Amino acid sequence: PEYFKIVDGFTLKEIKNQKRHKLVVACTAVWAKNVRLIDNMILKGDINRK
């Protein structure tokens, strides 16, 4: 991957410990031939609740 980060879902700052955060998101970008694919996936929490 071009990048892969685990971030706080509210601040988008990279995190080391998921236990301290209510919303945890995996963010990645990869190249597939000449197409750049970008995706995010919620690992923990609910985007509709703070």
PDB file of N, CA and C in Angstrom:
ATOM      1  N   PRO A   1       0.821  -1.214   0.000  1.00  0.00           N
ATOM      2  CA  PRO A   1       0.000   0.000   0.000  1.00  0.00           C
ATOM      3  C   PRO A   1       0.853   1.261   0.000  1.00  0.00           C
ATOM      4  N   GLU A   2       0.307   2.297  -0.583  1.00  0.00           N
ATOM      5  CA  GLU A   2       0.961   3.606  -0.530  1.00  0.00           C
ATOM      6  C   GLU A   2       0.982   4.093   0.915  1.00  0.00           C
ATOM      7  N   TYR A   3      -0.147   3.909   1.591  1.00  0.00           N
ATOM      8  CA  TYR A   3      -0.176   4.148   3.033  1.00  0.00           C
ATOM      9  C   TYR A   3      -1.285   3.331   3.671  1.00  0.00           C
ATOM     10  N   PHE A   4      -1.107   3.053   4.960  1.00  0.00           N
ATOM     11  CA  PHE A   4      -2.113   2.379   5.774  1.00  0.00           C
ATOM     12  C   PHE A   4      -1.970   2.941   7.175  1.00  0.00           C
ATOM     13  N   LYS A   5      -3.021   3.559   7.676  1.00  0.00           N
ATOM     14  CA  LYS A   5      -2.989   4.184   9.000  1.00  0.00           C
ATOM     15  C   LYS A   5      -4.227   3.786   9.785  1.00  0.00           C
ATOM     16  N   ILE A   6      -4.064   3.653  11.086  1.00  0.00           N
ATOM     17  CA  ILE A   6      -5.184   3.501  12.009  1.00  0.00           C
ATOM     18  C   ILE A   6      -5.325   4.850  12.693  1.00  0.00           C
ATOM     19  N   VAL A   7      -6.520   5.454  12.589  1.00  0.00           N
ATOM     20  CA  VAL A   7      -6.706   6.822  13.063  1.00  0.00           C
ATOM     21  C   VAL A   7      -7.933   6.941  13.955  1.00  0.00           C
ATOM     22  N   ASP A   8      -7.959   8.023  14.754  1.00  0.00           N
ATOM     23  CA  ASP A   8      -9.148   8.406  15.504  1.00  0.00           C
ATOM     24  C   ASP A   8     -10.163   8.906  14.473  1.00  0.00           C
ATOM     25  N   GLY A   9     -11.361   8.388  14.518  1.00  0.00           N
ATOM     26  CA  GLY A   9     -12.360   8.721  13.515  1.00  0.00           C
ATOM     27  C   GLY A   9     -12.874  10.146  13.568  1.00  0.00           C
ATOM     28  N   PHE A  10     -12.678  10.831  14.685  1.00  0.00           N
ATOM     29  CA  PHE A  10     -13.144  12.211  14.808  1.00  0.00           C
ATOM     30  C   PHE A  10     -12.057  13.217  14.441  1.00  0.00           C
ATOM     31  N   THR A  11     -10.798  12.920  14.792  1.00  0.00           N
ATOM     32  CA  THR A  11      -9.706  13.869  14.538  1.00  0.00           C
ATOM     33  C   THR A  11      -8.872  13.492  13.314  1.00  0.00           C
ATOM     34  N   LEU A  12      -8.949  12.233  12.896  1.00  0.00           N
ATOM     35  CA  LEU A  12      -8.133  11.650  11.821  1.00  0.00           C
ATOM     36  C   LEU A  12      -6.643  11.656  12.143  1.00  0.00           C
ATOM     37  N   LYS A  13      -6.309  11.783  13.424  1.00  0.00           N
ATOM     38  CA  LYS A  13      -4.911  11.672  13.849  1.00  0.00           C
ATOM     39  C   LYS A  13      -4.578  10.201  14.067  1.00  0.00           C
ATOM     40  N   GLU A  14      -3.362   9.817  13.661  1.00  0.00           N
ATOM     41  CA  GLU A  14      -2.921   8.437  13.821  1.00  0.00           C
ATOM     42  C   GLU A  14      -2.882   8.075  15.301  1.00  0.00           C
ATOM     43  N   ILE A  15      -3.294   6.843  15.619  1.00  0.00           N
ATOM     44  CA  ILE A  15      -3.319   6.400  17.012  1.00  0.00           C
ATOM     45  C   ILE A  15      -2.518   5.115  17.163  1.00  0.00           C
ATOM     46  N   LYS A  16      -2.092   4.864  18.387  1.00  0.00           N
ATOM     47  CA  LYS A  16      -1.348   3.646  18.705  1.00  0.00           C
ATOM     48  C   LYS A  16      -2.201   2.663  19.504  1.00  0.00           C
ATOM     49  N   ASN A  17      -3.142   3.200  20.322  1.00  0.00           N
ATOM     50  CA  ASN A  17      -3.931   2.373  21.221  1.00  0.00           C
ATOM     51  C   ASN A  17      -5.415   2.599  20.953  1.00  0.00           C
ATOM     52  N   GLN A  18      -6.098   1.587  20.452  1.00  0.00           N
ATOM     53  CA  GLN A  18      -7.509   1.719  20.106  1.00  0.00           C
ATOM     54  C   GLN A  18      -8.412   1.844  21.330  1.00  0.00           C
ATOM     55  N   LYS A  19      -7.977   1.357  22.469  1.00  0.00           N
ATOM     56  CA  LYS A  19      -8.813   1.348  23.671  1.00  0.00           C
ATOM     57  C   LYS A  19      -9.199   2.746  24.134  1.00  0.00           C
ATOM     58  N   ARG A  20      -8.399   3.736  23.849  1.00  0.00           N
ATOM     59  CA  ARG A  20      -8.639   5.106  24.313  1.00  0.00           C
ATOM     60  C   ARG A  20      -9.561   5.904  23.401  1.00  0.00           C
ATOM     61  N   HIS A  21     -10.022   5.306  22.311  1.00  0.00           N
ATOM     62  CA  HIS A  21     -10.782   6.047  21.305  1.00  0.00           C
ATOM     63  C   HIS A  21     -12.138   5.391  21.060  1.00  0.00           C
ATOM     64  N   LYS A  22     -13.163   6.227  20.885  1.00  0.00           N
ATOM     65  CA  LYS A  22     -14.519   5.722  20.664  1.00  0.00           C
ATOM     66  C   LYS A  22     -14.776   5.351  19.210  1.00  0.00           C
ATOM     67  N   LEU A  23     -14.101   6.025  18.287  1.00  0.00           N
ATOM     68  CA  LEU A  23     -14.266   5.742  16.860  1.00  0.00           C
ATOM     69  C   LEU A  23     -12.881   5.530  16.254  1.00  0.00           C
ATOM     70  N   VAL A  24     -12.645   4.331  15.739  1.00  0.00           N
ATOM     71  CA  VAL A  24     -11.344   3.969  15.177  1.00  0.00           C
ATOM     72  C   VAL A  24     -11.551   3.576  13.714  1.00  0.00           C
ATOM     73  N   VAL A  25     -10.719   4.152  12.832  1.00  0.00           N
ATOM     74  CA  VAL A  25     -10.879   3.951  11.392  1.00  0.00           C
ATOM     75  C   VAL A  25      -9.543   3.533  10.774  1.00  0.00           C
ATOM     76  N   ALA A  26      -9.598   2.578   9.863  1.00  0.00           N
ATOM     77  CA  ALA A  26      -8.435   2.206   9.061  1.00  0.00           C
ATOM     78  C   ALA A  26      -8.520   2.971   7.744  1.00  0.00           C
ATOM     79  N   CYS A  27      -7.428   3.615   7.361  1.00  0.00           N
ATOM     80  CA  CYS A  27      -7.369   4.391   6.113  1.00  0.00           C
ATOM     81  C   CYS A  27      -6.231   3.844   5.258  1.00  0.00           C
ATOM     82  N   THR A  28      -6.500   3.624   3.983  1.00  0.00           N
ATOM     83  CA  THR A  28      -5.465   3.086   3.111  1.00  0.00           C
ATOM     84  C   THR A  28      -5.580   3.658   1.698  1.00  0.00           C
ATOM     85  N   ALA A  29      -4.464   3.640   1.009  1.00  0.00           N
ATOM     86  CA  ALA A  29      -4.414   3.986  -0.413  1.00  0.00           C
ATOM     87  C   ALA A  29      -3.444   3.009  -1.078  1.00  0.00           C
ATOM     88  N   VAL A  30      -3.862   2.465  -2.205  1.00  0.00           N
ATOM     89  CA  VAL A  30      -3.026   1.526  -2.957  1.00  0.00           C
ATOM     90  C   VAL A  30      -3.147   1.828  -4.445  1.00  0.00           C
ATOM     91  N   TRP A  31      -2.134   1.419  -5.184  1.00  0.00           N
ATOM     92  CA  TRP A  31      -2.172   1.541  -6.642  1.00  0.00           C
ATOM     93  C   TRP A  31      -2.470   0.169  -7.233  1.00  0.00           C
ATOM     94  N   ALA A  32      -3.419   0.115  -8.166  1.00  0.00           N
ATOM     95  CA  ALA A  32      -3.716  -1.083  -8.947  1.00  0.00           C
ATOM     96  C   ALA A  32      -3.483  -0.697 -10.410  1.00  0.00           C
ATOM     97  N   LYS A  33      -2.323  -1.045 -10.909  1.00  0.00           N
ATOM     98  CA  LYS A  33      -1.838  -0.579 -12.214  1.00  0.00           C
ATOM     99  C   LYS A  33      -1.790   0.945 -12.204  1.00  0.00           C
ATOM    100  N   ASN A  34      -2.600   1.624 -13.000  1.00  0.00           N
ATOM    101  CA  ASN A  34      -2.533   3.092 -13.024  1.00  0.00           C
ATOM    102  C   ASN A  34      -3.724   3.743 -12.306  1.00  0.00           C
ATOM    103  N   VAL A  35      -4.408   2.971 -11.458  1.00  0.00           N
ATOM    104  CA  VAL A  35      -5.565   3.481 -10.713  1.00  0.00           C
ATOM    105  C   VAL A  35      -5.232   3.513  -9.225  1.00  0.00           C
ATOM    106  N   ARG A  36      -5.442   4.662  -8.606  1.00  0.00           N
ATOM    107  CA  ARG A  36      -5.210   4.800  -7.163  1.00  0.00           C
ATOM    108  C   ARG A  36      -6.529   4.553  -6.437  1.00  0.00           C
ATOM    109  N   LEU A  37      -6.527   3.553  -5.559  1.00  0.00           N
ATOM    110  CA  LEU A  37      -7.715   3.200  -4.789  1.00  0.00           C
ATOM    111  C   LEU A  37      -7.551   3.703  -3.365  1.00  0.00           C
ATOM    112  N   ILE A  38      -8.545   4.407  -2.860  1.00  0.00           N
ATOM    113  CA  ILE A  38      -8.515   4.966  -1.508  1.00  0.00           C
ATOM    114  C   ILE A  38      -9.740   4.442  -0.774  1.00  0.00           C
ATOM    115  N   ASP A  39      -9.547   3.960   0.465  1.00  0.00           N
ATOM    116  CA  ASP A  39     -10.688   3.444   1.209  1.00  0.00           C
ATOM    117  C   ASP A  39     -10.488   3.657   2.700  1.00  0.00           C
ATOM    118  N   ASN A  40     -11.598   3.691   3.406  1.00  0.00           N
ATOM    119  CA  ASN A  40     -11.626   3.810   4.859  1.00  0.00           C
ATOM    120  C   ASN A  40     -12.602   2.768   5.387  1.00  0.00           C
ATOM    121  N   MET A  41     -12.300   2.223   6.574  1.00  0.00           N
ATOM    122  CA  MET A  41     -13.186   1.242   7.176  1.00  0.00           C
ATOM    123  C   MET A  41     -13.247   1.476   8.677  1.00  0.00           C
ATOM    124  N   ILE A  42     -14.454   1.576   9.218  1.00  0.00           N
ATOM    125  CA  ILE A  42     -14.616   1.738  10.662  1.00  0.00           C
ATOM    126  C   ILE A  42     -14.294   0.412  11.330  1.00  0.00           C
ATOM    127  N   LEU A  43     -13.351   0.438  12.267  1.00  0.00           N
ATOM    128  CA  LEU A  43     -12.958  -0.755  13.004  1.00  0.00           C
ATOM    129  C   LEU A  43     -13.663  -0.835  14.348  1.00  0.00           C
ATOM    130  N   LYS A  44     -13.990   0.333  14.909  1.00  0.00           N
ATOM    131  CA  LYS A  44     -14.608   0.385  16.232  1.00  0.00           C
ATOM    132  C   LYS A  44     -15.463   1.636  16.323  1.00  0.00           C
ATOM    133  N   GLY A  45     -16.676   1.494  16.853  1.00  0.00           N
ATOM    134  CA  GLY A  45     -17.526   2.647  17.090  1.00  0.00           C
ATOM    135  C   GLY A  45     -18.599   2.828  16.039  1.00  0.00           C
ATOM    136  N   ASP A  46     -19.327   3.924  16.195  1.00  0.00           N
ATOM    137  CA  ASP A  46     -20.447   4.267  15.326  1.00  0.00           C
ATOM    138  C   ASP A  46     -20.289   5.724  14.918  1.00  0.00           C
ATOM    139  N   ILE A  47     -20.226   5.988  13.639  1.00  0.00           N
ATOM    140  CA  ILE A  47     -20.006   7.342  13.126  1.00  0.00           C
ATOM    141  C   ILE A  47     -21.130   8.289  13.540  1.00  0.00           C
ATOM    142  N   ASN A  48     -22.311   7.764  13.843  1.00  0.00           N
ATOM    143  CA  ASN A  48     -23.458   8.598  14.198  1.00  0.00           C
ATOM    144  C   ASN A  48     -23.516   8.969  15.674  1.00  0.00           C
ATOM    145  N   ARG A  49     -22.620   8.405  16.490  1.00  0.00           N
ATOM    146  CA  ARG A  49     -22.605   8.714  17.927  1.00  0.00           C
ATOM    147  C   ARG A  49     -21.236   9.208  18.335  1.00  0.00           C
ATOM    148  N   LYS A  50     -21.213  10.211  19.232  1.00  0.00           N
ATOM    149  CA  LYS A  50     -19.930  10.713  19.737  1.00  0.00           C
ATOM    150  C   LYS A  50     -19.674  10.195  21.088  1.00  0.00           C
TER     151      LYS A  50
END
